[in-house]
Amino acid sequence: MKSTLHALLLLGLLALLPAQAAVILIYHHIAEDTPRVSSTTEDEFRQHLTYLQEHGFDVVGLDVLLAKLQAGEPVPHNAVAITFDDGYANNYTAAHPILMEFGMPYTIFISPGDIDSRTGPVMSWEQIRRMSDDGVLVANHAMHHEKMAQPEPGESEADWLKRMRQTILDAEQRIKEETGQSHRFLAYPYGEFSPKLEALVKELGFIGIGQQSGAVGPSTKLTRVPRYPAAGRFAEMSDLAQKLRTLPFTILEHVQADPMVTAEHNPPTLSLRLQVEDFRPSQLRCFAGMEVIEPDWLDDGQTFVAKASKPVNRGRSRYNCTAPSISKRGYFYWYSQPWLFGRSSD
């Protein structure tokens, strides 16, 4: 009888434990003379990697992590993947030597057309090939870092989708020609995407990766994989340390989570159906800038609705929704919903 009770208690505790989770970090510049909002200094970057190393985080390749998610397999405990967007030259001159010193894998997302034309302070193909030879994953950031979420003014939807297909496939082919790599990972420029773009990405057999924050896990939608920014004010170790200890909500249905906002439906409404096991619904809060939104829970006990009291501004914005874990002290469940209203600026 006692052994049966012990077994039942153990099963109950295991049921409460949250699914294994991973975090993907996004960097742009590793420098002190670039815009602070997209920059992490070398000292800060070393501090980040030292923290990961000393606190038992498992830094894995993005390909390893995404393969686990695709296969529905558990991700490594405390897994972290490191990524860079835009292919800036300081990724090669500053970040690469530090990462090689720490022996940590990472991924760079590049726009091959910008590399070909040397648009901006970007790396050369020779530098990228050297990084590739060192084991760095080289992946797709569209051909020319163009805005992808919606047609340009006067462009038909058919022409836009044709153009998006072309930029994705051309960029993938160019990367393969120069490095031999083809992972079919697409990081959306500016982190902007829409349901129709997601459908195209899925049709082409790509994984779509955003810039909205949040942890990843088995229910992460593979056309909108989240990443945490680690630059500017988010480079502070106190901020990053908390985000490294976050968990993904188990999302059963994206009831209302279209990133595209119209004037008729602004402020936008977010509604998700969640598996409610390791957090208390009464503790879930969503944040729209400084506004705290207390979500409404529907009668099914799994679906919440969150709506800010004020319209979102033109361009990009987000709702961030969090709830403390019951079983994993100090950890928070975290979901970020990106919004795109009108045509955003760079």
C-alpha atoms as a PDB file:
ATOM      1  CA  MET A   1       0.000   0.000   0.000  1.00  0.00           C
ATOM      2  CA  LYS A   2       2.805   2.399   0.964  1.00  0.00           C
ATOM      3  CA  SER A   3       4.705   1.706  -2.277  1.00  0.00           C
ATOM      4  CA  THR A   4       1.545   2.361  -4.297  1.00  0.00           C
ATOM      5  CA  LEU A   5       1.046   5.715  -2.567  1.00  0.00           C
ATOM      6  CA  HIS A   6       4.691   6.619  -3.214  1.00  0.00           C
ATOM      7  CA  ALA A   7       4.305   5.720  -6.876  1.00  0.00           C
ATOM      8  CA  LEU A   8       1.125   7.797  -7.192  1.00  0.00           C
ATOM      9  CA  LEU A   9       2.811  10.740  -5.479  1.00  0.00           C
ATOM     10  CA  LEU A  10       5.789  10.475  -7.826  1.00  0.00           C
ATOM     11  CA  LEU A  11       3.500  10.378 -10.857  1.00  0.00           C
ATOM     12  CA  GLY A  12       1.659  13.421  -9.545  1.00  0.00           C
ATOM     13  CA  LEU A  13       4.879  15.361  -9.122  1.00  0.00           C
ATOM     14  CA  LEU A  14       6.072  14.387 -12.568  1.00  0.00           C
ATOM     15  CA  ALA A  15       2.786  15.554 -14.049  1.00  0.00           C
ATOM     16  CA  LEU A  16       3.332  18.962 -12.480  1.00  0.00           C
ATOM     17  CA  LEU A  17       6.810  19.383 -13.917  1.00  0.00           C
ATOM     18  CA  PRO A  18       6.831  21.703 -16.926  1.00  0.00           C
ATOM     19  CA  ALA A  19       7.957  20.422 -20.300  1.00  0.00           C
ATOM     20  CA  GLN A  20      11.601  20.959 -21.068  1.00  0.00           C
ATOM     21  CA  ALA A  21      12.203  24.337 -22.618  1.00  0.00           C
ATOM     22  CA  ALA A  22      14.818  26.162 -24.607  1.00  0.00           C
ATOM     23  CA  VAL A  23      15.710  29.780 -25.245  1.00  0.00           C
ATOM     24  CA  ILE A  24      17.059  31.316 -28.455  1.00  0.00           C
ATOM     25  CA  LEU A  25      19.066  34.527 -28.159  1.00  0.00           C
ATOM     26  CA  ILE A  26      19.337  37.098 -30.952  1.00  0.00           C
ATOM     27  CA  TYR A  27      22.265  39.479 -31.399  1.00  0.00           C
ATOM     28  CA  HIS A  28      23.091  41.979 -34.130  1.00  0.00           C
ATOM     29  CA  HIS A  29      26.255  44.016 -33.461  1.00  0.00           C
ATOM     30  CA  ILE A  30      29.064  43.106 -31.079  1.00  0.00           C
ATOM     31  CA  ALA A  31      30.596  46.559 -30.860  1.00  0.00           C
ATOM     32  CA  GLU A  32      30.708  49.848 -28.957  1.00  0.00           C
ATOM     33  CA  ASP A  33      30.468  52.243 -31.918  1.00  0.00           C
ATOM     34  CA  THR A  34      27.158  51.029 -33.380  1.00  0.00           C
ATOM     35  CA  PRO A  35      23.555  51.937 -32.412  1.00  0.00           C
ATOM     36  CA  ARG A  36      23.040  50.909 -28.786  1.00  0.00           C
ATOM     37  CA  VAL A  37      19.563  49.487 -29.389  1.00  0.00           C
ATOM     38  CA  SER A  38      21.033  46.723 -31.576  1.00  0.00           C
ATOM     39  CA  SER A  39      24.464  46.449 -29.959  1.00  0.00           C
ATOM     40  CA  THR A  40      26.139  44.348 -27.301  1.00  0.00           C
ATOM     41  CA  THR A  41      29.668  45.247 -26.229  1.00  0.00           C
ATOM     42  CA  GLU A  42      32.431  42.638 -26.210  1.00  0.00           C
ATOM     43  CA  ASP A  43      32.548  42.815 -22.414  1.00  0.00           C
ATOM     44  CA  GLU A  44      28.785  42.246 -22.179  1.00  0.00           C
ATOM     45  CA  PHE A  45      28.977  39.397 -24.666  1.00  0.00           C
ATOM     46  CA  ARG A  46      31.736  37.690 -22.685  1.00  0.00           C
ATOM     47  CA  GLN A  47      29.642  38.138 -19.557  1.00  0.00           C
ATOM     48  CA  HIS A  48      26.688  36.455 -21.256  1.00  0.00           C
ATOM     49  CA  LEU A  49      28.731  33.463 -22.395  1.00  0.00           C
ATOM     50  CA  THR A  50      30.448  33.146 -19.024  1.00  0.00           C
ATOM     51  CA  TYR A  51      27.055  33.128 -17.311  1.00  0.00           C
ATOM     52  CA  LEU A  52      25.797  30.390 -19.632  1.00  0.00           C
ATOM     53  CA  GLN A  53      28.920  28.363 -19.000  1.00  0.00           C
ATOM     54  CA  GLU A  54      28.957  28.761 -15.225  1.00  0.00           C
ATOM     55  CA  HIS A  55      25.221  28.181 -14.654  1.00  0.00           C
ATOM     56  CA  GLY A  56      24.843  24.877 -16.434  1.00  0.00           C
ATOM     57  CA  PHE A  57      23.148  26.000 -19.636  1.00  0.00           C
ATOM     58  CA  ASP A  58      23.568  23.708 -22.635  1.00  0.00           C
ATOM     59  CA  VAL A  59      24.465  25.856 -25.644  1.00  0.00           C
ATOM     60  CA  VAL A  60      23.333  23.872 -28.687  1.00  0.00           C
ATOM     61  CA  GLY A  61      23.266  24.471 -32.419  1.00  0.00           C
ATOM     62  CA  LEU A  62      20.047  25.930 -33.758  1.00  0.00           C
ATOM     63  CA  ASP A  63      19.805  22.940 -36.111  1.00  0.00           C
ATOM     64  CA  VAL A  64      19.924  20.535 -33.168  1.00  0.00           C
ATOM     65  CA  LEU A  65      17.229  22.431 -31.300  1.00  0.00           C
ATOM     66  CA  LEU A  66      14.878  22.825 -34.254  1.00  0.00           C
ATOM     67  CA  ALA A  67      15.306  19.177 -35.262  1.00  0.00           C
ATOM     68  CA  LYS A  68      14.135  18.191 -31.770  1.00  0.00           C
ATOM     69  CA  LEU A  69      11.110  20.466 -32.046  1.00  0.00           C
ATOM     70  CA  GLN A  70      10.250  19.163 -35.517  1.00  0.00           C
ATOM     71  CA  ALA A  71      10.450  15.570 -34.305  1.00  0.00           C
ATOM     72  CA  GLY A  72       8.401  16.296 -31.184  1.00  0.00           C
ATOM     73  CA  GLU A  73      11.299  15.182 -29.012  1.00  0.00           C
ATOM     74  CA  PRO A  74      12.283  16.727 -25.659  1.00  0.00           C
ATOM     75  CA  VAL A  75      14.837  19.498 -25.994  1.00  0.00           C
ATOM     76  CA  PRO A  76      18.060  19.339 -23.966  1.00  0.00           C
ATOM     77  CA  HIS A  77      17.671  20.577 -20.396  1.00  0.00           C
ATOM     78  CA  ASN A  78      18.366  24.324 -20.089  1.00  0.00           C
ATOM     79  CA  ALA A  79      19.153  24.521 -23.805  1.00  0.00           C
ATOM     80  CA  VAL A  80      20.187  27.854 -25.340  1.00  0.00           C
ATOM     81  CA  ALA A  81      20.829  28.630 -29.012  1.00  0.00           C
ATOM     82  CA  ILE A  82      22.766  31.732 -30.088  1.00  0.00           C
ATOM     83  CA  THR A  83      21.893  33.595 -33.298  1.00  0.00           C
ATOM     84  CA  PHE A  84      22.990  36.749 -35.124  1.00  0.00           C
ATOM     85  CA  ASP A  85      21.007  38.698 -37.718  1.00  0.00           C
ATOM     86  CA  ASP A  86      22.148  40.837 -40.664  1.00  0.00           C
ATOM     87  CA  GLY A  87      25.724  39.580 -41.178  1.00  0.00           C
ATOM     88  CA  TYR A  88      27.595  42.569 -39.779  1.00  0.00           C
ATOM     89  CA  ALA A  89      31.388  42.527 -40.108  1.00  0.00           C
ATOM     90  CA  ASN A  90      31.834  42.718 -36.326  1.00  0.00           C
ATOM     91  CA  ASN A  91      30.227  39.272 -36.110  1.00  0.00           C
ATOM     92  CA  TYR A  92      33.408  37.991 -37.735  1.00  0.00           C
ATOM     93  CA  THR A  93      35.968  40.319 -36.170  1.00  0.00           C
ATOM     94  CA  ALA A  94      34.570  40.467 -32.614  1.00  0.00           C
ATOM     95  CA  ALA A  95      31.954  37.784 -31.923  1.00  0.00           C
ATOM     96  CA  HIS A  96      33.449  34.829 -33.778  1.00  0.00           C
ATOM     97  CA  PRO A  97      36.790  34.709 -31.922  1.00  0.00           C
ATOM     98  CA  ILE A  98      34.998  34.911 -28.560  1.00  0.00           C
ATOM     99  CA  LEU A  99      32.566  32.135 -29.448  1.00  0.00           C
ATOM    100  CA  MET A 100      35.407  29.945 -30.733  1.00  0.00           C
ATOM    101  CA  GLU A 101      37.243  30.577 -27.451  1.00  0.00           C
ATOM    102  CA  PHE A 102      34.186  29.397 -25.498  1.00  0.00           C
ATOM    103  CA  GLY A 103      33.580  26.535 -27.922  1.00  0.00           C
ATOM    104  CA  MET A 104      29.919  27.452 -28.409  1.00  0.00           C
ATOM    105  CA  PRO A 105      27.959  26.819 -31.629  1.00  0.00           C
ATOM    106  CA  TYR A 106      25.932  29.597 -33.212  1.00  0.00           C
ATOM    107  CA  THR A 107      24.034  30.697 -36.310  1.00  0.00           C
ATOM    108  CA  ILE A 108      24.272  33.769 -38.532  1.00  0.00           C
ATOM    109  CA  PHE A 109      21.285  34.887 -40.611  1.00  0.00           C
ATOM    110  CA  ILE A 110      22.438  36.791 -43.696  1.00  0.00           C
ATOM    111  CA  SER A 111      20.925  38.523 -46.724  1.00  0.00           C
ATOM    112  CA  PRO A 112      23.061  37.311 -49.655  1.00  0.00           C
ATOM    113  CA  GLY A 113      22.123  40.204 -51.935  1.00  0.00           C
ATOM    114  CA  ASP A 114      23.532  42.648 -49.378  1.00  0.00           C
ATOM    115  CA  ILE A 115      26.703  40.557 -49.099  1.00  0.00           C
ATOM    116  CA  ASP A 116      27.060  40.520 -52.903  1.00  0.00           C
ATOM    117  CA  SER A 117      26.683  44.317 -53.159  1.00  0.00           C
ATOM    118  CA  ARG A 118      28.506  45.007 -49.855  1.00  0.00           C
ATOM    119  CA  THR A 119      25.537  47.074 -48.710  1.00  0.00           C
ATOM    120  CA  GLY A 120      26.366  48.418 -45.265  1.00  0.00           C
ATOM    121  CA  PRO A 121      29.068  47.214 -42.844  1.00  0.00           C
ATOM    122  CA  VAL A 122      28.572  43.544 -43.693  1.00  0.00           C
ATOM    123  CA  MET A 123      30.940  40.608 -43.892  1.00  0.00           C
ATOM    124  CA  SER A 124      32.487  39.366 -47.119  1.00  0.00           C
ATOM    125  CA  TRP A 125      31.781  35.940 -48.541  1.00  0.00           C
ATOM    126  CA  GLU A 126      35.377  34.985 -47.744  1.00  0.00           C
ATOM    127  CA  GLN A 127      34.791  35.748 -44.058  1.00  0.00           C
ATOM    128  CA  ILE A 128      31.472  33.891 -44.098  1.00  0.00           C
ATOM    129  CA  ARG A 129      33.110  30.835 -45.678  1.00  0.00           C
ATOM    130  CA  ARG A 130      35.784  30.860 -42.972  1.00  0.00           C
ATOM    131  CA  MET A 131      33.076  30.920 -40.319  1.00  0.00           C
ATOM    132  CA  SER A 132      31.240  28.132 -42.104  1.00  0.00           C
ATOM    133  CA  ASP A 133      34.442  26.073 -42.135  1.00  0.00           C
ATOM    134  CA  ASP A 134      34.651  26.629 -38.367  1.00  0.00           C
ATOM    135  CA  GLY A 135      31.199  25.047 -37.957  1.00  0.00           C
ATOM    136  CA  VAL A 136      29.026  28.185 -37.885  1.00  0.00           C
ATOM    137  CA  LEU A 137      25.530  27.691 -39.309  1.00  0.00           C
ATOM    138  CA  VAL A 138      24.734  30.133 -42.117  1.00  0.00           C
ATOM    139  CA  ALA A 139      21.026  30.685 -42.723  1.00  0.00           C
ATOM    140  CA  ASN A 140      18.481  32.756 -44.623  1.00  0.00           C
ATOM    141  CA  HIS A 141      17.474  36.365 -43.863  1.00  0.00           C
ATOM    142  CA  ALA A 142      15.832  37.005 -47.270  1.00  0.00           C
ATOM    143  CA  MET A 143      17.800  38.101 -50.314  1.00  0.00           C
ATOM    144  CA  HIS A 144      17.936  41.842 -49.583  1.00  0.00           C
ATOM    145  CA  HIS A 145      16.626  42.158 -45.996  1.00  0.00           C
ATOM    146  CA  GLU A 146      13.341  43.367 -47.401  1.00  0.00           C
ATOM    147  CA  LYS A 147      10.083  43.791 -45.507  1.00  0.00           C
ATOM    148  CA  MET A 148       8.137  40.597 -46.078  1.00  0.00           C
ATOM    149  CA  ALA A 149       4.882  40.677 -44.102  1.00  0.00           C
ATOM    150  CA  GLN A 150       2.618  42.390 -46.649  1.00  0.00           C
ATOM    151  CA  PRO A 151       2.503  43.678 -50.240  1.00  0.00           C
ATOM    152  CA  GLU A 152       4.040  47.005 -51.130  1.00  0.00           C
ATOM    153  CA  PRO A 153       1.587  49.824 -51.969  1.00  0.00           C
ATOM    154  CA  GLY A 154       0.027  49.060 -55.356  1.00  0.00           C
ATOM    155  CA  GLU A 155       1.355  45.472 -55.402  1.00  0.00           C
ATOM    156  CA  SER A 156      -1.147  42.657 -55.843  1.00  0.00           C
ATOM    157  CA  GLU A 157      -1.198  39.798 -53.385  1.00  0.00           C
ATOM    158  CA  ALA A 158      -0.246  37.348 -56.139  1.00  0.00           C
ATOM    159  CA  ASP A 159       2.775  39.440 -57.163  1.00  0.00           C
ATOM    160  CA  TRP A 160       3.817  39.859 -53.536  1.00  0.00           C
ATOM    161  CA  LEU A 161       3.668  36.124 -52.831  1.00  0.00           C
ATOM    162  CA  LYS A 162       5.646  35.444 -56.021  1.00  0.00           C
ATOM    163  CA  ARG A 163       8.271  37.969 -54.937  1.00  0.00           C
ATOM    164  CA  MET A 164       8.467  36.488 -51.429  1.00  0.00           C
ATOM    165  CA  ARG A 165       8.878  32.984 -52.817  1.00  0.00           C
ATOM    166  CA  GLN A 166      11.685  34.251 -55.034  1.00  0.00           C
ATOM    167  CA  THR A 167      13.574  36.116 -52.313  1.00  0.00           C
ATOM    168  CA  ILE A 168      13.445  33.112 -49.976  1.00  0.00           C
ATOM    169  CA  LEU A 169      14.566  30.583 -52.579  1.00  0.00           C
ATOM    170  CA  ASP A 170      17.189  32.847 -54.191  1.00  0.00           C
ATOM    171  CA  ALA A 171      18.755  33.581 -50.816  1.00  0.00           C
ATOM    172  CA  GLU A 172      18.821  29.883 -49.910  1.00  0.00           C
ATOM    173  CA  GLN A 173      20.455  29.004 -53.229  1.00  0.00           C
ATOM    174  CA  ARG A 174      23.058  31.763 -52.908  1.00  0.00           C
ATOM    175  CA  ILE A 175      24.036  30.602 -49.403  1.00  0.00           C
ATOM    176  CA  LYS A 176      24.356  27.044 -50.675  1.00  0.00           C
ATOM    177  CA  GLU A 177      26.551  28.150 -53.582  1.00  0.00           C
ATOM    178  CA  GLU A 178      28.944  30.012 -51.287  1.00  0.00           C
ATOM    179  CA  THR A 179      29.020  27.760 -48.209  1.00  0.00           C
ATOM    180  CA  GLY A 180      27.446  24.428 -49.132  1.00  0.00           C
ATOM    181  CA  GLN A 181      24.873  24.926 -46.370  1.00  0.00           C
ATOM    182  CA  SER A 182      21.093  24.814 -46.758  1.00  0.00           C
ATOM    183  CA  HIS A 183      19.089  24.524 -43.543  1.00  0.00           C
ATOM    184  CA  ARG A 184      15.807  26.078 -44.711  1.00  0.00           C
ATOM    185  CA  PHE A 185      15.645  28.362 -41.688  1.00  0.00           C
ATOM    186  CA  LEU A 186      14.279  31.852 -42.434  1.00  0.00           C
ATOM    187  CA  ALA A 187      14.677  34.691 -39.936  1.00  0.00           C
ATOM    188  CA  TYR A 188      12.099  37.309 -40.913  1.00  0.00           C
ATOM    189  CA  PRO A 189      13.749  40.715 -41.486  1.00  0.00           C
ATOM    190  CA  TYR A 190      12.639  43.127 -38.747  1.00  0.00           C
ATOM    191  CA  GLY A 191      10.830  40.168 -37.179  1.00  0.00           C
ATOM    192  CA  GLU A 192       7.761  40.929 -39.310  1.00  0.00           C
ATOM    193  CA  PHE A 193       5.454  38.184 -40.548  1.00  0.00           C
ATOM    194  CA  SER A 194       1.810  37.572 -41.381  1.00  0.00           C
ATOM    195  CA  PRO A 195      -0.418  34.486 -41.657  1.00  0.00           C
ATOM    196  CA  LYS A 196      -0.103  34.400 -45.460  1.00  0.00           C
ATOM    197  CA  LEU A 197       3.670  34.674 -45.257  1.00  0.00           C
ATOM    198  CA  GLU A 198       3.694  31.914 -42.632  1.00  0.00           C
ATOM    199  CA  ALA A 199       1.659  29.726 -44.983  1.00  0.00           C
ATOM    200  CA  LEU A 200       4.193  30.316 -47.775  1.00  0.00           C
ATOM    201  CA  VAL A 201       7.116  29.547 -45.477  1.00  0.00           C
ATOM    202  CA  LYS A 202       5.458  26.279 -44.451  1.00  0.00           C
ATOM    203  CA  GLU A 203       4.656  25.408 -48.068  1.00  0.00           C
ATOM    204  CA  LEU A 204       8.325  25.867 -48.998  1.00  0.00           C
ATOM    205  CA  GLY A 205       9.425  23.597 -46.161  1.00  0.00           C
ATOM    206  CA  PHE A 206      11.115  26.343 -44.144  1.00  0.00           C
ATOM    207  CA  ILE A 207      11.045  27.153 -40.445  1.00  0.00           C
ATOM    208  CA  GLY A 208      10.156  30.804 -39.819  1.00  0.00           C
ATOM    209  CA  ILE A 209      11.930  32.613 -36.987  1.00  0.00           C
ATOM    210  CA  GLY A 210      10.824  35.927 -35.510  1.00  0.00           C
ATOM    211  CA  GLN A 211      12.141  38.531 -33.099  1.00  0.00           C
ATOM    212  CA  GLN A 212       9.307  38.379 -30.551  1.00  0.00           C
ATOM    213  CA  SER A 213      10.431  37.162 -27.134  1.00  0.00           C
ATOM    214  CA  GLY A 214       9.621  33.880 -25.451  1.00  0.00           C
ATOM    215  CA  ALA A 215      10.872  30.386 -24.744  1.00  0.00           C
ATOM    216  CA  VAL A 216      10.403  27.505 -27.179  1.00  0.00           C
ATOM    217  CA  GLY A 217       8.993  24.052 -26.611  1.00  0.00           C
ATOM    218  CA  PRO A 218       6.907  21.268 -28.129  1.00  0.00           C
ATOM    219  CA  SER A 219       3.913  23.480 -28.991  1.00  0.00           C
ATOM    220  CA  THR A 220       5.958  26.306 -30.532  1.00  0.00           C
ATOM    221  CA  LYS A 221       4.577  27.171 -33.961  1.00  0.00           C
ATOM    222  CA  LEU A 222       7.441  26.547 -36.398  1.00  0.00           C
ATOM    223  CA  THR A 223       6.513  29.491 -38.610  1.00  0.00           C
ATOM    224  CA  ARG A 224       6.913  31.996 -35.741  1.00  0.00           C
ATOM    225  CA  VAL A 225       9.707  30.734 -33.502  1.00  0.00           C
ATOM    226  CA  PRO A 226      10.489  33.316 -30.780  1.00  0.00           C
ATOM    227  CA  ARG A 227      13.894  34.685 -29.756  1.00  0.00           C
ATOM    228  CA  TYR A 228      15.017  36.909 -26.904  1.00  0.00           C
ATOM    229  CA  PRO A 229      16.957  40.077 -27.814  1.00  0.00           C
ATOM    230  CA  ALA A 230      20.259  40.423 -25.959  1.00  0.00           C
ATOM    231  CA  ALA A 231      21.313  43.924 -27.039  1.00  0.00           C
ATOM    232  CA  GLY A 232      20.872  47.443 -25.714  1.00  0.00           C
ATOM    233  CA  ARG A 233      19.016  47.509 -22.414  1.00  0.00           C
ATOM    234  CA  PHE A 234      18.328  43.792 -22.827  1.00  0.00           C
ATOM    235  CA  ALA A 235      22.073  43.114 -22.622  1.00  0.00           C
ATOM    236  CA  GLU A 236      21.968  43.761 -18.864  1.00  0.00           C
ATOM    237  CA  MET A 237      22.769  40.485 -17.143  1.00  0.00           C
ATOM    238  CA  SER A 238      19.946  40.904 -14.616  1.00  0.00           C
ATOM    239  CA  ASP A 239      17.428  41.102 -17.463  1.00  0.00           C
ATOM    240  CA  LEU A 240      18.939  38.277 -19.473  1.00  0.00           C
ATOM    241  CA  ALA A 241      19.259  35.966 -16.452  1.00  0.00           C
ATOM    242  CA  GLN A 242      15.496  36.048 -15.896  1.00  0.00           C
ATOM    243  CA  LYS A 243      14.708  35.411 -19.552  1.00  0.00           C
ATOM    244  CA  LEU A 244      17.002  32.419 -19.581  1.00  0.00           C
ATOM    245  CA  ARG A 245      14.702  30.987 -16.920  1.00  0.00           C
ATOM    246  CA  THR A 246      11.486  31.091 -18.872  1.00  0.00           C
ATOM    247  CA  LEU A 247       9.171  28.379 -20.134  1.00  0.00           C
ATOM    248  CA  PRO A 248       6.827  28.146 -23.126  1.00  0.00           C
ATOM    249  CA  PHE A 249       3.105  27.972 -22.558  1.00  0.00           C
ATOM    250  CA  THR A 250       1.627  24.817 -24.064  1.00  0.00           C
ATOM    251  CA  ILE A 251      -0.582  26.422 -26.711  1.00  0.00           C
ATOM    252  CA  LEU A 252      -3.472  24.247 -27.822  1.00  0.00           C
ATOM    253  CA  GLU A 253      -4.866  26.807 -30.267  1.00  0.00           C
ATOM    254  CA  HIS A 254      -3.969  30.286 -31.513  1.00  0.00           C
ATOM    255  CA  VAL A 255      -7.591  31.436 -31.347  1.00  0.00           C
ATOM    256  CA  GLN A 256      -6.889  35.073 -32.249  1.00  0.00           C
ATOM    257  CA  ALA A 257      -3.217  35.835 -32.866  1.00  0.00           C
ATOM    258  CA  ASP A 258      -2.913  37.423 -36.309  1.00  0.00           C
ATOM    259  CA  PRO A 259      -0.020  39.915 -36.097  1.00  0.00           C
ATOM    260  CA  MET A 260      -1.535  42.249 -38.701  1.00  0.00           C
ATOM    261  CA  VAL A 261      -3.494  45.099 -37.083  1.00  0.00           C
ATOM    262  CA  THR A 262      -6.105  47.174 -38.893  1.00  0.00           C
ATOM    263  CA  ALA A 263      -7.565  50.536 -37.905  1.00  0.00           C
ATOM    264  CA  GLU A 264     -10.957  48.865 -37.436  1.00  0.00           C
ATOM    265  CA  HIS A 265      -9.550  46.427 -34.862  1.00  0.00           C
ATOM    266  CA  ASN A 266      -7.113  48.540 -32.895  1.00  0.00           C
ATOM    267  CA  PRO A 267      -6.361  47.869 -30.086  1.00  0.00           C
ATOM    268  CA  PRO A 268      -5.933  44.266 -31.230  1.00  0.00           C
ATOM    269  CA  THR A 269      -7.234  41.239 -29.349  1.00  0.00           C
ATOM    270  CA  LEU A 270      -5.085  38.273 -28.386  1.00  0.00           C
ATOM    271  CA  SER A 271      -6.769  34.980 -27.561  1.00  0.00           C
ATOM    272  CA  LEU A 272      -5.005  31.678 -26.879  1.00  0.00           C
ATOM    273  CA  ARG A 273      -6.214  28.307 -25.654  1.00  0.00           C
ATOM    274  CA  LEU A 274      -3.645  26.893 -23.247  1.00  0.00           C
ATOM    275  CA  GLN A 275      -2.958  23.743 -21.348  1.00  0.00           C
ATOM    276  CA  VAL A 276      -3.382  24.992 -17.780  1.00  0.00           C
ATOM    277  CA  GLU A 277      -1.352  22.747 -15.469  1.00  0.00           C
ATOM    278  CA  ASP A 278       1.767  24.381 -14.087  1.00  0.00           C
ATOM    279  CA  PHE A 279       0.514  27.947 -13.578  1.00  0.00           C
ATOM    280  CA  ARG A 280      -2.496  29.584 -11.992  1.00  0.00           C
ATOM    281  CA  PRO A 281      -4.773  31.367 -14.468  1.00  0.00           C
ATOM    282  CA  SER A 282      -5.338  34.122 -11.899  1.00  0.00           C
ATOM    283  CA  GLN A 283      -1.615  34.951 -12.073  1.00  0.00           C
ATOM    284  CA  LEU A 284      -1.377  35.318 -15.836  1.00  0.00           C
ATOM    285  CA  ARG A 285      -0.819  38.916 -16.887  1.00  0.00           C
ATOM    286  CA  CYS A 286      -0.271  40.515 -20.277  1.00  0.00           C
ATOM    287  CA  PHE A 287       1.616  43.761 -20.819  1.00  0.00           C
ATOM    288  CA  ALA A 288       1.147  46.319 -23.578  1.00  0.00           C
ATOM    289  CA  GLY A 289       4.046  48.674 -22.993  1.00  0.00           C
ATOM    290  CA  MET A 290       3.508  49.937 -19.431  1.00  0.00           C
ATOM    291  CA  GLU A 291      -0.136  48.843 -19.322  1.00  0.00           C
ATOM    292  CA  VAL A 292      -0.945  45.710 -17.338  1.00  0.00           C
ATOM    293  CA  ILE A 293      -3.792  43.719 -18.919  1.00  0.00           C
ATOM    294  CA  GLU A 294      -5.753  41.291 -16.773  1.00  0.00           C
ATOM    295  CA  PRO A 295      -6.998  38.708 -19.287  1.00  0.00           C
ATOM    296  CA  ASP A 296     -10.534  37.369 -19.324  1.00  0.00           C
ATOM    297  CA  TRP A 297     -10.795  33.592 -19.041  1.00  0.00           C
ATOM    298  CA  LEU A 298     -13.624  31.884 -20.901  1.00  0.00           C
ATOM    299  CA  ASP A 299     -15.839  29.234 -19.352  1.00  0.00           C
ATOM    300  CA  ASP A 300     -13.702  26.379 -20.700  1.00  0.00           C
ATOM    301  CA  GLY A 301     -10.967  27.409 -18.242  1.00  0.00           C
ATOM    302  CA  GLN A 302      -8.316  27.171 -20.977  1.00  0.00           C
ATOM    303  CA  THR A 303      -8.952  30.128 -23.288  1.00  0.00           C
ATOM    304  CA  PHE A 304      -8.040  33.678 -22.369  1.00  0.00           C
ATOM    305  CA  VAL A 305      -8.709  36.966 -24.138  1.00  0.00           C
ATOM    306  CA  ALA A 306      -6.459  40.016 -23.697  1.00  0.00           C
ATOM    307  CA  LYS A 307      -7.007  43.483 -25.127  1.00  0.00           C
ATOM    308  CA  ALA A 308      -5.235  46.739 -24.311  1.00  0.00           C
ATOM    309  CA  SER A 309      -7.256  49.817 -23.407  1.00  0.00           C
ATOM    310  CA  LYS A 310      -5.510  51.996 -26.001  1.00  0.00           C
ATOM    311  CA  PRO A 311      -4.714  51.487 -29.698  1.00  0.00           C
ATOM    312  CA  VAL A 312      -1.202  50.348 -30.590  1.00  0.00           C
ATOM    313  CA  ASN A 313       1.003  52.799 -32.469  1.00  0.00           C
ATOM    314  CA  ARG A 314       1.870  52.478 -36.126  1.00  0.00           C
ATOM    315  CA  GLY A 315       4.714  50.086 -36.785  1.00  0.00           C
ATOM    316  CA  ARG A 316       5.721  47.243 -34.521  1.00  0.00           C
ATOM    317  CA  SER A 317       4.482  46.569 -31.003  1.00  0.00           C
ATOM    318  CA  ARG A 318       3.778  43.590 -28.717  1.00  0.00           C
ATOM    319  CA  TYR A 319       1.760  42.100 -25.930  1.00  0.00           C
ATOM    320  CA  ASN A 320       3.915  40.070 -23.526  1.00  0.00           C
ATOM    321  CA  CYS A 321       2.059  37.509 -21.409  1.00  0.00           C
ATOM    322  CA  THR A 322       3.653  35.824 -18.389  1.00  0.00           C
ATOM    323  CA  ALA A 323       2.756  33.601 -15.444  1.00  0.00           C
ATOM    324  CA  PRO A 324       4.971  32.132 -12.688  1.00  0.00           C
ATOM    325  CA  SER A 325       5.594  28.388 -12.778  1.00  0.00           C
ATOM    326  CA  ILE A 326       4.200  26.380  -9.867  1.00  0.00           C
ATOM    327  CA  SER A 327       6.734  23.561  -9.978  1.00  0.00           C
ATOM    328  CA  LYS A 328       9.879  25.409 -11.059  1.00  0.00           C
ATOM    329  CA  ARG A 329      10.612  28.182  -8.621  1.00  0.00           C
ATOM    330  CA  GLY A 330      11.916  31.402 -10.163  1.00  0.00           C
ATOM    331  CA  TYR A 331      10.773  30.421 -13.669  1.00  0.00           C
ATOM    332  CA  PHE A 332       8.056  32.180 -15.667  1.00  0.00           C
ATOM    333  CA  TYR A 333       5.957  31.066 -18.601  1.00  0.00           C
ATOM    334  CA  TRP A 334       6.348  33.676 -21.336  1.00  0.00           C
ATOM    335  CA  TYR A 335       4.584  34.382 -24.620  1.00  0.00           C
ATOM    336  CA  SER A 336       5.029  37.445 -26.821  1.00  0.00           C
ATOM    337  CA  GLN A 337       2.522  38.418 -29.504  1.00  0.00           C
ATOM    338  CA  PRO A 338       3.926  40.772 -32.160  1.00  0.00           C
ATOM    339  CA  TRP A 339       1.679  43.356 -33.803  1.00  0.00           C
ATOM    340  CA  LEU A 340       2.261  45.193 -37.081  1.00  0.00           C
ATOM    341  CA  PHE A 341       0.029  48.187 -37.786  1.00  0.00           C
ATOM    342  CA  GLY A 342       0.377  49.991 -41.093  1.00  0.00           C
ATOM    343  CA  ARG A 343       3.729  50.054 -42.826  1.00  0.00           C
ATOM    344  CA  SER A 344       6.475  50.110 -40.220  1.00  0.00           C
ATOM    345  CA  SER A 345       9.632  52.174 -40.448  1.00  0.00           C
ATOM    346  CA  ASP A 346      13.095  50.670 -40.290  1.00  0.00           C
END
